[in-house]
Protein backbone atom coordinates (compact mmCIF):
# COMPACT_ATOMS: atom_id res chain seq x y z
CA MET A 1 0.31 0.04 -0.01
CA ALA A 2 1.16 3.75 -1.03
CA ILE A 3 2.02 5.74 1.34
CA ASN A 4 1.70 9.46 1.03
CA VAL A 5 4.08 11.73 2.94
CA LYS A 6 4.55 14.50 0.50
CA GLU A 7 5.23 17.47 2.47
CA GLY A 8 5.62 21.03 2.02
CA SER A 9 3.70 20.90 -1.03
CA LEU A 10 2.11 23.98 -3.02
CA GLY A 11 -1.04 22.17 -3.31
CA LYS A 12 -4.29 22.60 -1.48
CA PRO A 13 -4.44 21.22 1.97
CA THR A 14 -7.51 18.84 2.54
CA ARG A 15 -9.79 19.77 5.68
CA HIS A 16 -11.60 16.76 6.99
CA PRO A 17 -14.93 17.35 8.45
CA LEU A 18 -15.13 18.47 12.16
CA ASP A 19 -16.77 15.11 14.00
CA TRP A 20 -17.67 17.18 16.69
CA GLU A 21 -21.06 14.79 17.42
CA SER A 22 -19.24 11.78 17.57
CA GLU A 23 -18.99 10.21 21.43
CA ASP A 24 -15.39 9.68 20.64
CA PHE A 25 -14.99 13.79 20.27
CA TYR A 26 -15.77 14.76 23.64
CA ASN A 27 -13.61 11.75 24.73
CA GLU A 28 -10.68 12.75 26.90
CA GLU A 29 -8.50 9.80 26.78
CA SER A 30 -8.62 9.78 23.44
CA LEU A 31 -8.23 13.54 23.00
CA ASN A 32 -4.80 13.18 25.17
CA GLN A 33 -3.45 10.70 23.08
CA GLU A 34 -4.03 12.88 19.78
CA LEU A 35 -2.44 15.79 21.48
CA GLN A 36 0.41 13.75 22.51
CA ARG A 37 0.73 12.37 19.00
CA VAL A 38 0.32 15.93 17.54
CA PHE A 39 2.38 17.46 20.02
CA ASP A 40 5.50 15.36 19.29
CA ILE A 41 5.06 15.73 15.75
CA CYS A 42 5.43 19.48 16.53
CA HIS A 43 8.13 19.37 18.72
CA THR A 44 10.32 17.47 16.48
CA CYS A 45 9.50 20.07 13.51
CA ARG A 46 9.06 23.80 15.37
CA ARG A 47 8.54 25.45 12.09
CA CYS A 48 5.17 27.29 13.73
CA ILE A 49 7.67 28.82 16.73
CA SER A 50 7.25 32.27 15.20
CA LEU A 51 3.24 32.35 14.45
CA CYS A 52 1.51 32.78 18.22
CA THR A 53 2.53 31.96 21.98
CA ALA A 54 1.03 28.53 21.60
CA PHE A 55 3.79 27.11 20.08
CA PRO A 56 6.82 28.40 22.51
CA THR A 57 4.53 27.32 25.25
CA LEU A 58 4.59 23.92 24.07
CA PHE A 59 8.18 23.77 23.50
CA ASP A 60 9.42 25.03 26.90
CA LEU A 61 7.13 22.44 28.39
CA VAL A 62 9.23 19.92 26.17
CA ASP A 63 12.49 21.35 27.32
CA ASP A 64 11.74 21.73 30.76
CA ASN A 65 11.05 18.38 31.14
CA PRO A 66 13.79 15.99 32.09
CA THR A 67 13.11 13.72 29.49
CA MET A 68 13.30 16.46 26.82
CA GLU A 69 10.47 14.81 25.00
CA VAL A 70 6.33 15.20 24.77
CA GLU A 71 6.01 11.79 26.66
CA GLY A 72 7.67 13.43 29.73
CA VAL A 73 5.06 16.35 29.82
CA ASP A 74 2.65 16.17 32.66
CA LYS A 75 -0.86 15.73 30.54
CA ALA A 76 -2.37 18.59 32.94
CA ASP A 77 -0.10 21.16 31.28
CA TYR A 78 -1.61 20.36 28.17
CA ALA A 79 -4.17 23.05 28.85
CA LYS A 80 -1.48 25.53 28.89
CA VAL A 81 -0.85 25.15 25.25
CA VAL A 82 -4.95 24.96 24.67
CA ASP A 83 -5.24 28.33 26.08
CA GLN A 84 -2.56 30.19 24.11
CA CYS A 85 -4.24 29.12 20.77
CA TYR A 86 -6.87 31.41 19.06
CA LEU A 87 -7.46 29.47 16.15
CA CYS A 88 -6.18 32.05 13.57
CA ASP A 89 -5.43 28.80 11.56
CA MET A 90 -2.48 30.51 10.36
CA CYS A 91 -0.51 27.05 10.95
CA TYR A 92 -2.41 25.04 9.37
CA MET A 93 -2.94 27.33 5.62
CA SER A 94 0.65 28.54 5.99
CA LYS A 95 2.99 26.44 7.86
CA CYS A 96 2.50 22.69 8.69
CA PRO A 97 4.04 20.63 6.22
CA TYR A 98 1.97 17.71 7.81
CA VAL A 99 -1.94 18.66 7.07
CA PRO A 100 -3.49 16.38 5.04
CA PRO A 101 -3.21 14.68 2.70
CA HIS A 102 -0.29 13.79 4.31
CA ASP A 103 -0.50 10.76 6.38
CA TRP A 104 0.53 12.38 9.93
CA ASN A 105 -2.73 13.84 9.49
CA VAL A 106 -2.23 17.25 11.67
CA ASP A 107 -4.94 20.07 12.10
CA PHE A 108 -3.57 21.60 14.95
CA PRO A 109 -6.65 24.35 15.04
CA HIS A 110 -9.12 21.89 15.23
CA LEU A 111 -7.41 19.50 17.49
CA MET A 112 -7.30 22.79 20.05
CA LEU A 113 -10.87 23.57 19.03
CA ARG A 114 -11.61 20.03 20.39
CA ALA A 115 -10.23 20.63 23.38
CA LYS A 116 -11.74 23.71 24.07
CA ALA A 117 -14.89 21.72 23.54
CA ILE A 118 -14.14 19.34 25.85
CA LYS A 119 -13.37 22.09 28.56
CA PHE A 120 -16.56 23.87 28.00
CA LYS A 121 -18.86 20.52 28.04
CA LYS A 122 -17.03 19.91 31.41
CA GLY A 123 -18.25 23.01 32.68
CA GLU A 124 -14.70 24.61 33.39
CA THR A 125 -15.36 27.62 30.94
CA SER A 126 -15.29 30.94 32.98
CA PHE A 127 -18.20 33.64 33.25
CA ARG A 128 -15.86 35.94 31.52
CA ASP A 129 -15.09 33.87 28.46
CA LYS A 130 -19.20 33.31 28.21
CA LEU A 131 -19.97 36.85 28.46
CA LEU A 132 -17.05 38.11 25.93
CA SER A 133 -18.26 35.58 23.48
CA SER A 134 -22.07 36.77 23.70
CA THR A 135 -21.69 39.44 21.28
CA ASP A 136 -25.33 39.45 19.74
CA ALA A 137 -26.42 39.80 23.39
CA MET A 138 -24.25 42.30 24.87
CA GLY A 139 -24.72 44.40 21.64
CA LYS A 140 -28.65 44.13 21.88
CA LEU A 141 -28.54 45.30 25.71
CA ALA A 142 -25.07 48.08 25.53
CA SER A 143 -26.41 49.72 22.32
CA ILE A 144 -30.13 50.68 24.15
CA PRO A 145 -30.24 54.46 23.88
CA VAL A 146 -30.03 55.01 27.67
CA VAL A 147 -27.48 52.44 28.67
CA VAL A 148 -25.39 53.02 25.78
CA GLN A 149 -23.80 56.15 27.41
CA MET A 150 -23.40 54.83 30.61
CA VAL A 151 -21.70 51.67 28.95
CA ASN A 152 -19.03 53.79 26.86
CA SER A 153 -18.33 56.23 29.88
CA LEU A 154 -17.48 53.40 31.85
CA ASN A 155 -15.40 51.49 29.45
CA LYS A 156 -13.22 54.61 29.27
CA ASN A 157 -13.45 55.35 33.35
CA PRO A 158 -9.82 54.43 35.14
CA THR A 159 -11.71 53.09 38.23
CA ALA A 160 -14.53 51.00 36.71
CA ARG A 161 -11.84 49.55 34.24
CA ALA A 162 -9.88 48.83 37.08
CA MET A 163 -12.92 47.06 39.02
CA MET A 164 -13.72 45.29 35.52
CA ASP A 165 -10.11 44.01 35.58
CA ASN A 166 -10.49 42.62 38.99
CA ALA A 167 -13.78 41.35 38.79
CA LEU A 168 -13.77 40.22 35.38
CA GLY A 169 -10.44 39.64 33.87
CA ILE A 170 -11.11 42.10 31.15
CA HIS A 171 -7.58 44.15 31.30
CA LYS A 172 -7.75 47.92 32.50
CA ASP A 173 -5.66 49.10 29.64
CA ARG A 174 -7.24 47.37 26.66
CA VAL A 175 -9.29 50.00 24.58
CA LEU A 176 -12.73 48.77 23.89
CA PRO A 177 -15.08 49.65 21.33
CA GLU A 178 -17.57 52.03 21.96
CA TYR A 179 -21.19 50.94 20.97
CA ASP A 180 -23.86 52.68 19.02
CA SER A 181 -27.56 53.31 19.39
CA ALA A 182 -27.96 54.11 16.06
CA LYS A 183 -27.45 50.50 14.91
CA PHE A 184 -26.84 49.45 11.22
CA ARG A 185 -29.86 47.47 10.45
CA SER A 186 -32.14 50.06 12.14
CA THR A 187 -30.75 52.81 10.14
CA ALA A 188 -29.38 51.28 6.88
CA LYS A 189 -30.99 52.80 3.89
CA VAL A 190 -30.78 50.17 0.98
CA ASN A 191 -31.67 50.49 -2.72
CA PRO A 192 -32.88 47.56 -4.36
CA GLN A 193 -34.41 49.02 -7.62
CA PHE A 194 -30.87 49.04 -9.77
CA SER A 195 -31.29 47.13 -12.25
CA VAL A 196 -29.38 43.54 -12.02
CA ARG A 197 -26.06 43.11 -14.00
CA ASN A 198 -24.71 40.11 -13.10
CA GLY A 199 -20.91 39.56 -14.78
CA GLU A 200 -18.83 36.57 -15.33
CA HIS A 201 -17.18 36.10 -11.78
CA THR A 202 -20.10 38.16 -9.78
CA PRO A 203 -23.50 38.26 -9.02
CA GLY A 204 -24.77 41.33 -9.56
CA LYS A 205 -27.10 41.86 -6.61
CA VAL A 206 -25.67 41.68 -3.05
CA ALA A 207 -27.36 40.99 -0.19
CA ILE A 208 -25.37 42.40 3.57
CA TYR A 209 -24.85 40.28 6.56
CA SER A 210 -24.41 42.96 9.20
CA THR A 211 -22.12 41.46 11.68
CA CYS A 212 -22.74 41.86 15.33
CA TYR A 213 -19.61 44.35 15.17
CA ILE A 214 -21.00 46.59 12.59
CA ASN A 215 -24.32 46.64 13.48
CA TYR A 216 -23.76 47.89 17.53
CA ASN A 217 -20.44 48.89 17.27
CA GLU A 218 -19.40 50.76 14.13
CA PRO A 219 -22.40 50.90 11.89
CA GLY A 220 -20.64 53.75 9.59
CA ILE A 221 -18.76 51.10 7.95
CA GLY A 222 -21.84 49.20 6.94
CA HIS A 223 -23.02 52.78 5.67
CA ASP A 224 -20.06 53.50 3.79
CA LEU A 225 -20.31 49.64 2.32
CA LEU A 226 -23.78 50.43 0.94
CA ALA A 227 -22.42 53.89 -0.19
CA ILE A 228 -20.05 52.22 -2.52
CA LEU A 229 -22.51 49.62 -3.46
CA HIS A 230 -25.15 52.38 -4.73
CA HIS A 231 -22.23 54.38 -6.34
CA ASN A 232 -21.74 51.24 -8.59
CA GLU A 233 -25.46 51.03 -8.81
CA ILE A 234 -25.86 47.72 -7.30
CA PRO A 235 -29.16 46.62 -5.86
CA THR A 236 -28.56 46.00 -2.51
CA GLN A 237 -30.65 44.46 0.46
CA LEU A 238 -30.06 43.50 3.86
CA VAL A 239 -30.25 40.12 5.36
CA GLU A 240 -33.80 39.70 6.65
CA LYS A 241 -32.92 38.24 9.82
CA GLU A 242 -29.76 37.67 11.43
CA VAL A 243 -27.73 36.58 14.70
CA CYS A 244 -23.86 36.39 15.54
CA CYS A 245 -22.24 34.01 13.03
CA GLY A 246 -20.85 31.83 15.71
CA MET A 247 -17.12 32.43 15.54
CA PRO A 248 -17.23 33.79 19.00
CA LYS A 249 -18.84 30.46 20.23
CA LEU A 250 -16.42 28.65 18.25
CA GLU A 251 -13.47 30.05 19.64
CA LEU A 252 -14.99 29.19 23.08
CA GLY A 253 -15.86 25.61 22.53
CA ASP A 254 -19.49 26.08 22.71
CA LEU A 255 -20.76 23.90 19.61
CA LYS A 256 -24.08 23.63 20.41
CA ALA A 257 -24.49 27.33 20.50
CA VAL A 258 -23.02 27.55 17.29
CA GLU A 259 -25.49 24.85 15.97
CA LYS A 260 -27.96 27.16 17.52
CA ASN A 261 -26.92 30.16 15.53
CA LYS A 262 -26.57 28.00 12.30
CA LYS A 263 -30.14 26.96 12.51
CA ILE A 264 -31.40 30.50 12.40
CA ASN A 265 -28.92 32.28 9.98
CA ILE A 266 -28.57 29.52 7.21
CA PRO A 267 -32.12 29.20 6.28
CA VAL A 268 -32.12 32.98 5.47
CA LEU A 269 -29.11 32.95 3.92
CA ALA A 270 -29.52 30.20 2.02
CA GLN A 271 -32.51 31.37 0.46
CA LEU A 272 -31.14 34.39 -0.87
CA ALA A 273 -28.28 32.27 -2.13
CA ARG A 274 -30.71 30.48 -4.56
CA GLN A 275 -31.78 33.73 -5.59
CA GLY A 276 -28.58 34.47 -7.08
CA TYR A 277 -27.53 37.15 -4.25
CA ALA A 278 -23.98 37.28 -3.60
CA ILE A 279 -23.96 37.53 0.25
CA VAL A 280 -21.49 40.07 1.55
CA ALA A 281 -19.59 40.40 5.33
CA ALA A 282 -17.26 42.94 6.35
CA VAL A 283 -16.00 41.29 9.21
CA PRO A 284 -13.26 38.06 7.73
CA SER A 285 -13.83 36.07 10.69
CA CYS A 286 -17.67 35.97 10.12
CA ALA A 287 -17.03 35.58 6.43
CA LEU A 288 -14.92 32.61 7.56
CA MET A 289 -17.26 30.93 9.93
CA PHE A 290 -19.63 30.89 6.93
CA LYS A 291 -16.78 29.64 4.20
CA GLN A 292 -15.25 27.31 6.34
CA GLU A 293 -16.20 26.51 9.73
CA LEU A 294 -19.69 25.89 9.37
CA PRO A 295 -19.50 24.00 6.24
CA LEU A 296 -16.43 21.72 8.12
CA MET A 297 -19.19 20.99 10.97
CA PHE A 298 -22.31 20.08 8.53
CA PRO A 299 -20.58 18.95 5.43
CA ASP A 300 -23.80 17.32 4.58
CA ASP A 301 -26.22 20.39 4.70
CA ALA A 302 -26.69 21.72 1.25
CA GLU A 303 -27.72 24.74 2.31
CA VAL A 304 -24.85 25.44 4.49
CA LYS A 305 -22.73 24.77 0.90
CA ALA A 306 -24.93 27.07 -0.93
CA VAL A 307 -24.11 29.60 1.47
CA ALA A 308 -20.56 29.05 1.79
CA GLU A 309 -20.56 29.59 -2.24
CA ALA A 310 -22.20 32.87 -2.36
CA MET A 311 -20.24 34.21 0.56
CA TYR A 312 -18.00 37.36 -0.09
CA ASP A 313 -15.59 39.38 1.49
CA PRO A 314 -16.20 42.98 0.20
CA PHE A 315 -13.24 43.50 -1.43
CA GLU A 316 -13.09 40.38 -3.13
CA TYR A 317 -16.58 40.85 -4.62
CA PHE A 318 -15.08 44.18 -5.59
CA VAL A 319 -12.11 43.01 -7.19
CA LEU A 320 -14.06 40.12 -8.92
CA ARG A 321 -16.59 43.16 -10.25
CA PHE A 322 -13.67 44.72 -11.54
CA LYS A 323 -12.51 41.74 -13.79
CA ASP A 324 -16.47 41.74 -15.08
CA GLY A 325 -15.62 45.49 -16.31
CA LEU A 326 -18.73 46.46 -14.06
CA LEU A 327 -17.41 48.50 -11.04
CA ARG A 328 -16.43 52.47 -11.24
CA THR A 329 -13.15 53.34 -10.68
CA ASP A 330 -14.00 57.29 -10.94
CA PHE A 331 -12.01 58.16 -7.94
CA LYS A 332 -12.10 61.87 -6.77
CA LYS A 333 -9.91 61.57 -4.12
CA SER A 334 -6.15 60.28 -3.31
CA LEU A 335 -5.31 58.75 -0.02
CA GLY A 336 -1.64 59.29 0.16
CA LYS A 337 0.39 56.75 2.31
CA VAL A 338 -1.75 53.89 3.48
CA SER A 339 -0.36 50.96 6.09
CA TYR A 340 -2.72 48.21 5.48
CA HIS A 341 -2.72 45.22 7.74
CA ILE A 342 -4.00 41.77 6.53
CA PRO A 343 -5.90 40.24 9.04
CA CYS A 344 -5.47 35.95 10.02
CA HIS A 345 -8.73 35.47 9.08
CA LEU A 346 -8.67 37.01 5.95
CA ARG A 347 -5.37 35.33 5.04
CA VAL A 348 -6.58 31.86 5.26
CA GLN A 349 -9.30 32.48 2.92
CA ASN A 350 -7.08 31.81 0.29
CA MET A 351 -8.07 34.54 -1.98
CA GLY A 352 -4.92 36.81 -2.54
CA GLN A 353 -5.07 40.57 -1.07
CA LYS A 354 -7.88 41.61 -2.62
CA THR A 355 -8.14 44.74 0.03
CA ARG A 356 -4.61 45.82 -1.33
CA GLU A 357 -5.48 45.02 -5.04
CA MET A 358 -8.45 47.66 -5.19
CA LEU A 359 -6.82 50.30 -3.20
CA GLN A 360 -3.95 50.43 -5.49
CA LYS A 361 -6.23 51.31 -7.97
CA ILE A 362 -6.76 54.56 -6.55
CA PRO A 363 -4.24 57.21 -7.93
CA ASP A 364 -1.70 58.66 -5.95
CA THR A 365 -2.05 56.30 -3.35
CA HIS A 366 0.85 54.03 -1.68
CA ILE A 367 -0.30 50.90 0.12
CA THR A 368 2.62 49.61 2.64
CA THR A 369 1.26 46.08 3.60
CA VAL A 370 1.70 44.07 6.49
CA GLU A 371 1.32 40.47 6.92
CA ARG A 372 1.38 39.35 10.13
CA CYS A 373 -0.70 38.82 13.11
CA ALA A 374 -1.26 41.76 15.37
CA GLY A 375 -1.77 39.73 18.50
CA HIS A 376 -5.35 40.88 19.36
CA ASP A 377 -7.01 37.78 18.07
CA GLY A 378 -10.82 38.24 18.71
CA THR A 379 -11.43 38.58 22.53
CA TRP A 380 -8.20 36.56 23.52
CA GLY A 381 -6.32 39.97 23.64
CA VAL A 382 -9.01 41.73 26.06
CA LYS A 383 -8.35 39.30 28.91
CA SER A 384 -6.37 40.46 31.40
CA GLU A 385 -4.04 37.31 31.43
CA TYR A 386 -3.10 37.77 28.06
CA PHE A 387 -2.97 41.26 27.37
CA ASP A 388 0.62 42.12 27.70
CA GLN A 389 1.16 38.73 25.54
CA SER A 390 -0.86 40.57 23.06
CA MET A 391 0.97 43.61 22.66
CA LYS A 392 4.15 41.56 22.29
CA ILE A 393 2.51 39.70 19.71
CA GLY A 394 1.83 43.00 17.92
CA LYS A 395 4.80 45.11 18.46
CA PRO A 396 6.66 44.42 15.28
CA VAL A 397 3.10 45.10 13.19
CA PHE A 398 2.83 48.57 15.42
CA GLN A 399 6.58 49.20 14.37
CA GLN A 400 5.92 48.22 10.31
CA MET A 401 2.68 50.03 10.23
CA ALA A 402 4.35 52.99 11.73
CA ALA A 403 7.57 52.89 9.68
CA PRO A 404 5.98 54.84 6.57
CA ASP A 405 4.87 57.81 8.35
CA PRO A 406 1.37 57.40 7.08
CA ASP A 407 -1.76 58.90 6.49
CA TYR A 408 -3.86 56.49 7.37
CA ILE A 409 -3.94 52.81 9.20
CA SER A 410 -6.10 50.44 8.64
CA SER A 411 -7.58 46.45 8.83
CA ASP A 412 -10.33 44.57 7.45
CA CYS A 413 -10.54 43.44 10.98
CA ALA A 414 -11.64 46.37 12.90
CA ILE A 415 -10.76 45.31 16.05
CA ALA A 416 -7.15 44.53 14.53
CA GLY A 417 -7.24 48.12 13.61
CA ARG A 418 -8.09 49.57 16.79
CA HIS A 419 -5.42 47.29 18.82
CA ILE A 420 -2.82 48.41 16.40
CA GLN A 421 -3.72 52.23 16.55
CA GLN A 422 -3.42 51.66 20.40
CA GLY A 423 0.35 50.09 19.74
CA MET A 424 0.87 52.77 17.83
CA GLY A 425 0.51 55.43 20.54
CA GLU A 426 0.31 59.23 19.35
CA ASN A 427 0.66 59.29 15.79
CA LYS A 428 -0.74 61.60 12.93
CA ALA A 429 -2.03 58.68 10.78
CA GLU A 430 -6.06 58.39 11.22
CA LYS A 431 -7.52 54.81 11.31
CA GLN A 432 -10.22 53.96 9.09
CA HIS A 433 -11.31 50.50 7.41
CA PRO A 434 -10.51 49.94 3.78
CA VAL A 435 -14.29 50.05 3.03
CA THR A 436 -13.82 53.49 4.48
CA LEU A 437 -10.87 54.50 2.46
CA LEU A 438 -12.68 53.04 -0.92
CA ARG A 439 -15.79 55.50 0.00
CA ILE A 440 -13.14 58.15 0.95
CA ALA A 441 -11.67 57.84 -2.73
CA TYR A 442 -14.79 57.78 -4.42
CA GLY A 443 -15.93 61.29 -2.67
CA LEU A 444 -18.79 59.80 -1.56
């Protein structure tokens, strides 16, 4: 029997479905056996040491025990590695030579996810982590007109932040996003009346999946996206009904909550997909959830597959629209120098640097691209125990973003952009989302 030992290939990795509903998935003894097997492969390779803190944590555990092998590591310490993984997926997509179809079948992120799911099922997940992952519930409460002013004030008050740090483990120095009572979904003005012009690469009509962040925190990004679509005479509507994509709950290991949200989102989105809409989500993690994670959790669900095929990042859609000859380039304003950061959850979508490609079409605009993890990573960098590591991981990004003395700093991930701005400190650069930059360039 032939053995497939090809490694370091430029071919596309094979991602196996996540067998999350099987009994063995939650078997702790079976998990520890697989952790030891994969950790041993990682230890002998060490190619991923620069990616995140999970791998240095693992290698220190190995090097600091008398055997200097994985078998000498206390299995109780495996959790220290799991806690450092924020499921960016970069080890699988860009570094590991042993991913399937290699016979060693290493899928480090999904192994960490399995460990997180077992931890959650055992009731060992903290209240803080459950709270931070409840983005929809928190957004609905915090954006109530009377409540929103109090929440935003408390998030900026040093005394209140010190109390949050002590009581909840939300670091006092982390700059938190504001909430907005003028939610995107309730204030968006769509125009579905333009003629549908389908292209070779793109559907000619768009449905916007607003995401929790844009709906509750930065609705301006959503309004800018609408302005661009209207300027290009693309008929647009909002997804009629939506809840959180499920990525925060996935990262927590609460897979039942992911399934619950999937049952609400997918029927509505699948109907739009069948009607020929491009579904656009302006938060990379949300788009990735529908493109990759849900199809791996529900591989036999035809509606999930249809949604995955219809889901687009905004700039993925714009660049393909340009290739179809159906995107306007009547830019009125240059952007000067832009330091642009590509977030991990955009990189692993394997579509190339579409945001950079689009912004470079704007005359007299110079784009400096930083392709490296900024270290915020969902809710991970908010937590007191990881804040310092988050800032340390981000330091090279902060320096690279500041080096060109830019007019703008930008990231497709809005929380990464805010994190980078905090790490850079005082500077002249204005932080704007890439969608907003494109709206500015159009002069809208």
